[in-house]
PDB file of N, CA and C in Angstrom:
ATOM      1  N   MET A   1     -82.226 100.287 -10.233  1.00  0.00           N
ATOM      2  CA  MET A   1     -82.317  99.060  -9.462  1.00  0.00           C
ATOM      3  C   MET A   1     -83.432  98.178 -10.032  1.00  0.00           C
ATOM      4  N   GLU A   2     -83.164  96.920 -10.157  1.00  0.00           N
ATOM      5  CA  GLU A   2     -84.139  95.974 -10.698  1.00  0.00           C
ATOM      6  C   GLU A   2     -85.238  95.707  -9.677  1.00  0.00           C
ATOM      7  N   ASN A   3     -86.465  95.617 -10.153  1.00  0.00           N
ATOM      8  CA  ASN A   3     -87.606  95.367  -9.280  1.00  0.00           C
ATOM      9  C   ASN A   3     -87.772  93.854  -9.101  1.00  0.00           C
ATOM     10  N   PRO A   4     -87.562  93.319  -7.889  1.00  0.00           N
ATOM     11  CA  PRO A   4     -87.676  91.876  -7.673  1.00  0.00           C
ATOM     12  C   PRO A   4     -89.110  91.356  -7.773  1.00  0.00           C
ATOM     13  N   PHE A   5     -90.087  92.256  -7.777  1.00  0.00           N
ATOM     14  CA  PHE A   5     -91.489  91.854  -7.874  1.00  0.00           C
ATOM     15  C   PHE A   5     -91.970  91.755  -9.322  1.00  0.00           C
ATOM     16  N   HIS A   6     -91.223  92.339 -10.247  1.00  0.00           N
ATOM     17  CA  HIS A   6     -91.650  92.430 -11.642  1.00  0.00           C
ATOM     18  C   HIS A   6     -91.563  91.063 -12.321  1.00  0.00           C
ATOM     19  N   ALA A   7     -92.705  90.444 -12.490  1.00  0.00           N
ATOM     20  CA  ALA A   7     -92.815  89.159 -13.183  1.00  0.00           C
ATOM     21  C   ALA A   7     -94.265  88.971 -13.605  1.00  0.00           C
ATOM     22  N   CYS A   8     -94.464  88.189 -14.633  1.00  0.00           N
ATOM     23  CA  CYS A   8     -95.828  87.968 -15.131  1.00  0.00           C
ATOM     24  C   CYS A   8     -96.771  87.469 -14.039  1.00  0.00           C
ATOM     25  N   ALA A   9     -96.297  86.602 -13.161  1.00  0.00           N
ATOM     26  CA  ALA A   9     -97.159  86.034 -12.128  1.00  0.00           C
ATOM     27  C   ALA A   9     -97.718  87.087 -11.175  1.00  0.00           C
ATOM     28  N   THR A  10     -97.092  88.263 -11.093  1.00  0.00           N
ATOM     29  CA  THR A  10     -97.566  89.313 -10.192  1.00  0.00           C
ATOM     30  C   THR A  10     -98.359  90.388 -10.933  1.00  0.00           C
ATOM     31  N   CYS A  11     -98.677  90.157 -12.197  1.00  0.00           N
ATOM     32  CA  CYS A  11     -99.384  91.124 -13.027  1.00  0.00           C
ATOM     33  C   CYS A  11    -100.896  90.845 -13.043  1.00  0.00           C
ATOM     34  N   THR A  12    -101.665  91.904 -13.160  1.00  0.00           N
ATOM     35  CA  THR A  12    -103.130  91.773 -13.190  1.00  0.00           C
ATOM     36  C   THR A  12    -103.630  91.039 -14.429  1.00  0.00           C
ATOM     37  N   HIS A  13    -102.825  90.966 -15.463  1.00  0.00           N
ATOM     38  CA  HIS A  13    -103.246  90.345 -16.723  1.00  0.00           C
ATOM     39  C   HIS A  13    -102.842  88.876 -16.843  1.00  0.00           C
ATOM     40  N   PHE A  14    -102.149  88.360 -15.847  1.00  0.00           N
ATOM     41  CA  PHE A  14    -101.668  86.977 -15.836  1.00  0.00           C
ATOM     42  C   PHE A  14    -102.815  86.034 -15.496  1.00  0.00           C
ATOM     43  N   ARG A  15    -103.014  85.011 -16.312  1.00  0.00           N
ATOM     44  CA  ARG A  15    -104.098  84.052 -16.107  1.00  0.00           C
ATOM     45  C   ARG A  15    -103.576  82.618 -16.134  1.00  0.00           C
ATOM     46  N   PRO A  16    -103.399  82.003 -14.954  1.00  0.00           N
ATOM     47  CA  PRO A  16    -103.027  80.587 -14.926  1.00  0.00           C
ATOM     48  C   PRO A  16    -104.271  79.729 -15.168  1.00  0.00           C
ATOM     49  N   GLU A  17    -104.077  78.625 -15.840  1.00  0.00           N
ATOM     50  CA  GLU A  17    -105.203  77.737 -16.146  1.00  0.00           C
ATOM     51  C   GLU A  17    -104.719  76.288 -16.057  1.00  0.00           C
ATOM     52  N   LYS A  18    -105.424  75.489 -15.270  1.00  0.00           N
ATOM     53  CA  LYS A  18    -105.088  74.074 -15.172  1.00  0.00           C
ATOM     54  C   LYS A  18    -105.621  73.360 -16.410  1.00  0.00           C
ATOM     55  N   VAL A  19    -104.741  72.660 -17.102  1.00  0.00           N
ATOM     56  CA  VAL A  19    -105.113  71.903 -18.287  1.00  0.00           C
ATOM     57  C   VAL A  19    -104.764  70.433 -18.059  1.00  0.00           C
ATOM     58  N   GLU A  20    -105.190  69.594 -18.949  1.00  0.00           N
ATOM     59  CA  GLU A  20    -105.027  68.155 -18.794  1.00  0.00           C
ATOM     60  C   GLU A  20    -103.581  67.735 -18.529  1.00  0.00           C
ATOM     61  N   ASN A  21    -102.641  68.363 -19.208  1.00  0.00           N
ATOM     62  CA  ASN A  21    -101.240  67.945 -19.075  1.00  0.00           C
ATOM     63  C   ASN A  21    -100.402  68.900 -18.214  1.00  0.00           C
ATOM     64  N   GLY A  22    -101.019  69.670 -17.321  1.00  0.00           N
ATOM     65  CA  GLY A  22    -100.284  70.566 -16.443  1.00  0.00           C
ATOM     66  C   GLY A  22    -100.947  71.920 -16.309  1.00  0.00           C
ATOM     67  N   MET A  23    -100.160  72.970 -16.475  1.00  0.00           N
ATOM     68  CA  MET A  23    -100.658  74.339 -16.347  1.00  0.00           C
ATOM     69  C   MET A  23    -100.374  75.117 -17.620  1.00  0.00           C
ATOM     70  N   ARG A  24    -101.277  76.060 -17.897  1.00  0.00           N
ATOM     71  CA  ARG A  24    -101.089  76.996 -19.013  1.00  0.00           C
ATOM     72  C   ARG A  24    -101.108  78.382 -18.395  1.00  0.00           C
ATOM     73  N   TYR A  25    -100.134  79.198 -18.795  1.00  0.00           N
ATOM     74  CA  TYR A  25    -100.045  80.566 -18.299  1.00  0.00           C
ATOM     75  C   TYR A  25    -100.246  81.498 -19.478  1.00  0.00           C
ATOM     76  N   PHE A  26    -101.200  82.414 -19.339  1.00  0.00           N
ATOM     77  CA  PHE A  26    -101.621  83.252 -20.452  1.00  0.00           C
ATOM     78  C   PHE A  26    -101.666  84.712 -20.019  1.00  0.00           C
ATOM     79  N   CYS A  27    -101.293  85.613 -20.918  1.00  0.00           N
ATOM     80  CA  CYS A  27    -101.397  87.041 -20.672  1.00  0.00           C
ATOM     81  C   CYS A  27    -102.593  87.579 -21.441  1.00  0.00           C
ATOM     82  N   ASN A  28    -103.585  88.084 -20.709  1.00  0.00           N
ATOM     83  CA  ASN A  28    -104.770  88.643 -21.363  1.00  0.00           C
ATOM     84  C   ASN A  28    -104.456  89.904 -22.150  1.00  0.00           C
ATOM     85  N   ARG A  29    -103.496  90.690 -21.702  1.00  0.00           N
ATOM     86  CA  ARG A  29    -103.152  91.935 -22.389  1.00  0.00           C
ATOM     87  C   ARG A  29    -102.424  91.655 -23.707  1.00  0.00           C
ATOM     88  N   LEU A  30    -101.413  90.803 -23.646  1.00  0.00           N
ATOM     89  CA  LEU A  30    -100.617  90.514 -24.848  1.00  0.00           C
ATOM     90  C   LEU A  30    -101.287  89.498 -25.763  1.00  0.00           C
ATOM     91  N   GLY A  31    -102.108  88.632 -25.185  1.00  0.00           N
ATOM     92  CA  GLY A  31    -102.847  87.666 -25.986  1.00  0.00           C
ATOM     93  C   GLY A  31    -102.088  86.403 -26.334  1.00  0.00           C
ATOM     94  N   TYR A  32    -101.088  86.064 -25.538  1.00  0.00           N
ATOM     95  CA  TYR A  32    -100.379  84.813 -25.801  1.00  0.00           C
ATOM     96  C   TYR A  32     -99.839  84.195 -24.519  1.00  0.00           C
ATOM     97  N   ASP A  33     -99.367  82.947 -24.651  1.00  0.00           N
ATOM     98  CA  ASP A  33     -98.831  82.221 -23.508  1.00  0.00           C
ATOM     99  C   ASP A  33     -97.570  82.901 -22.978  1.00  0.00           C
ATOM    100  N   THR A  34     -97.367  82.761 -21.695  1.00  0.00           N
ATOM    101  CA  THR A  34     -96.203  83.326 -21.029  1.00  0.00           C
ATOM    102  C   THR A  34     -95.757  82.339 -19.955  1.00  0.00           C
ATOM    103  N   LYS A  35     -94.858  82.740 -19.125  1.00  0.00           N
ATOM    104  CA  LYS A  35     -94.424  81.945 -17.969  1.00  0.00           C
ATOM    105  C   LYS A  35     -94.431  82.861 -16.755  1.00  0.00           C
ATOM    106  N   PRO A  36     -94.614  82.305 -15.551  1.00  0.00           N
ATOM    107  CA  PRO A  36     -94.714  83.132 -14.352  1.00  0.00           C
ATOM    108  C   PRO A  36     -93.525  84.066 -14.132  1.00  0.00           C
ATOM    109  N   ASP A  37     -92.327  83.649 -14.520  1.00  0.00           N
ATOM    110  CA  ASP A  37     -91.144  84.466 -14.252  1.00  0.00           C
ATOM    111  C   ASP A  37     -90.736  85.380 -15.406  1.00  0.00           C
ATOM    112  N   TYR A  38     -91.473  85.380 -16.503  1.00  0.00           N
ATOM    113  CA  TYR A  38     -91.166  86.292 -17.612  1.00  0.00           C
ATOM    114  C   TYR A  38     -91.446  87.729 -17.184  1.00  0.00           C
ATOM    115  N   GLN A  39     -90.798  88.675 -17.879  1.00  0.00           N
ATOM    116  CA  GLN A  39     -91.007  90.092 -17.607  1.00  0.00           C
ATOM    117  C   GLN A  39     -91.253  90.840 -18.916  1.00  0.00           C
ATOM    118  N   PHE A  40     -92.247  91.729 -18.901  1.00  0.00           N
ATOM    119  CA  PHE A  40     -92.535  92.586 -20.043  1.00  0.00           C
ATOM    120  C   PHE A  40     -92.705  94.021 -19.545  1.00  0.00           C
ATOM    121  N   ASN A  41     -92.500  94.982 -20.410  1.00  0.00           N
ATOM    122  CA  ASN A  41     -92.591  96.390 -20.025  1.00  0.00           C
ATOM    123  C   ASN A  41     -94.027  96.832 -19.729  1.00  0.00           C
ATOM    124  N   CYS A  42     -95.006  96.038 -20.090  1.00  0.00           N
ATOM    125  CA  CYS A  42     -96.407  96.417 -19.875  1.00  0.00           C
ATOM    126  C   CYS A  42     -96.934  95.943 -18.522  1.00  0.00           C
ATOM    127  N   TRP A  43     -96.065  95.568 -17.631  1.00  0.00           N
ATOM    128  CA  TRP A  43     -96.419  95.018 -16.323  1.00  0.00           C
ATOM    129  C   TRP A  43     -97.306  95.955 -15.512  1.00  0.00           C
ATOM    130  N   THR A  44     -98.428  95.422 -15.019  1.00  0.00           N
ATOM    131  CA  THR A  44     -99.324  96.137 -14.117  1.00  0.00           C
ATOM    132  C   THR A  44     -99.466  95.274 -12.860  1.00  0.00           C
ATOM    133  N   PRO A  45     -98.783  95.642 -11.772  1.00  0.00           N
ATOM    134  CA  PRO A  45     -98.787  94.788 -10.582  1.00  0.00           C
ATOM    135  C   PRO A  45    -100.161  94.675  -9.927  1.00  0.00           C
ATOM    136  N   LYS A  46    -100.411  93.505  -9.354  1.00  0.00           N
ATOM    137  CA  LYS A  46    -101.640  93.277  -8.593  1.00  0.00           C
ATOM    138  C   LYS A  46    -101.615  94.138  -7.334  1.00  0.00           C
ATOM    139  N   GLU A  47    -102.775  94.396  -6.777  1.00  0.00           N
ATOM    140  CA  GLU A  47    -102.901  95.289  -5.615  1.00  0.00           C
ATOM    141  C   GLU A  47    -102.037  94.832  -4.440  1.00  0.00           C
ATOM    142  N   HIS A  48    -102.029  93.544  -4.137  1.00  0.00           N
ATOM    143  CA  HIS A  48    -101.236  93.078  -2.991  1.00  0.00           C
ATOM    144  C   HIS A  48     -99.737  93.229  -3.243  1.00  0.00           C
ATOM    145  N   VAL A  49     -99.332  93.191  -4.488  1.00  0.00           N
ATOM    146  CA  VAL A  49     -97.925  93.388  -4.836  1.00  0.00           C
ATOM    147  C   VAL A  49     -97.540  94.858  -4.658  1.00  0.00           C
ATOM    148  N   ILE A  50     -98.434  95.749  -5.042  1.00  0.00           N
ATOM    149  CA  ILE A  50     -98.196  97.186  -4.848  1.00  0.00           C
ATOM    150  C   ILE A  50     -98.007  97.481  -3.363  1.00  0.00           C
ATOM    151  N   LYS A  51     -98.873  96.921  -2.528  1.00  0.00           N
ATOM    152  CA  LYS A  51     -98.779  97.143  -1.081  1.00  0.00           C
ATOM    153  C   LYS A  51     -97.466  96.597  -0.528  1.00  0.00           C
ATOM    154  N   LEU A  52     -97.049  95.437  -1.000  1.00  0.00           N
ATOM    155  CA  LEU A  52     -95.794  94.846  -0.548  1.00  0.00           C
ATOM    156  C   LEU A  52     -94.596  95.697  -0.985  1.00  0.00           C
ATOM    157  N   MET A  53     -94.633  96.216  -2.206  1.00  0.00           N
ATOM    158  CA  MET A  53     -93.551  97.086  -2.675  1.00  0.00           C
ATOM    159  C   MET A  53     -93.476  98.351  -1.832  1.00  0.00           C
ATOM    160  N   GLU A  54     -94.626  98.931  -1.510  1.00  0.00           N
ATOM    161  CA  GLU A  54     -94.668 100.132  -0.677  1.00  0.00           C
ATOM    162  C   GLU A  54     -94.118  99.849   0.715  1.00  0.00           C
ATOM    163  N   LYS A  55     -94.485  98.699   1.282  1.00  0.00           N
ATOM    164  CA  LYS A  55     -94.005  98.308   2.600  1.00  0.00           C
ATOM    165  C   LYS A  55     -92.484  98.154   2.591  1.00  0.00           C
ATOM    166  N   ARG A  56     -91.957  97.499   1.584  1.00  0.00           N
ATOM    167  CA  ARG A  56     -90.505  97.309   1.486  1.00  0.00           C
ATOM    168  C   ARG A  56     -89.787  98.644   1.297  1.00  0.00           C
ATOM    169  N   LYS A  57     -90.396  99.548   0.559  1.00  0.00           N
ATOM    170  CA  LYS A  57     -89.797 100.863   0.360  1.00  0.00           C
ATOM    171  C   LYS A  57     -89.730 101.625   1.676  1.00  0.00           C
ATOM    172  N   GLU A  58     -90.797 101.549   2.484  1.00  0.00           N
ATOM    173  CA  GLU A  58     -90.829 102.214   3.783  1.00  0.00           C
ATOM    174  C   GLU A  58     -89.770 101.627   4.722  1.00  0.00           C
ATOM    175  N   GLU A  59     -89.575 100.320   4.665  1.00  0.00           N
ATOM    176  CA  GLU A  59     -88.602  99.648   5.523  1.00  0.00           C
ATOM    177  C   GLU A  59     -87.175 100.098   5.212  1.00  0.00           C
ATOM    178  N   ARG A  60     -86.915 100.442   3.959  1.00  0.00           N
ATOM    179  CA  ARG A  60     -85.578 100.890   3.575  1.00  0.00           C
ATOM    180  C   ARG A  60     -85.326 102.351   3.936  1.00  0.00           C
ATOM    181  N   SER A  61     -86.390 103.081   4.191  1.00  0.00           N
ATOM    182  CA  SER A  61     -86.256 104.524   4.506  1.00  0.00           C
ATOM    183  C   SER A  61     -85.820 104.768   5.924  1.00  0.00           C
TER     184      SER A  61
END
């Protein structure tokens, strides 16, 4: 089953930055620009995302 939470924006390494012409999204782990909805296998979810995933898992049980 696909994880609906798995996206760069929910990863601990995701760094949004406001720039003159909009926003820049950067991955500190990979070392290059990304987008909030991209997915990579190195995903490390933020703490609040982990809690939300656990809550949703309990609700399905």
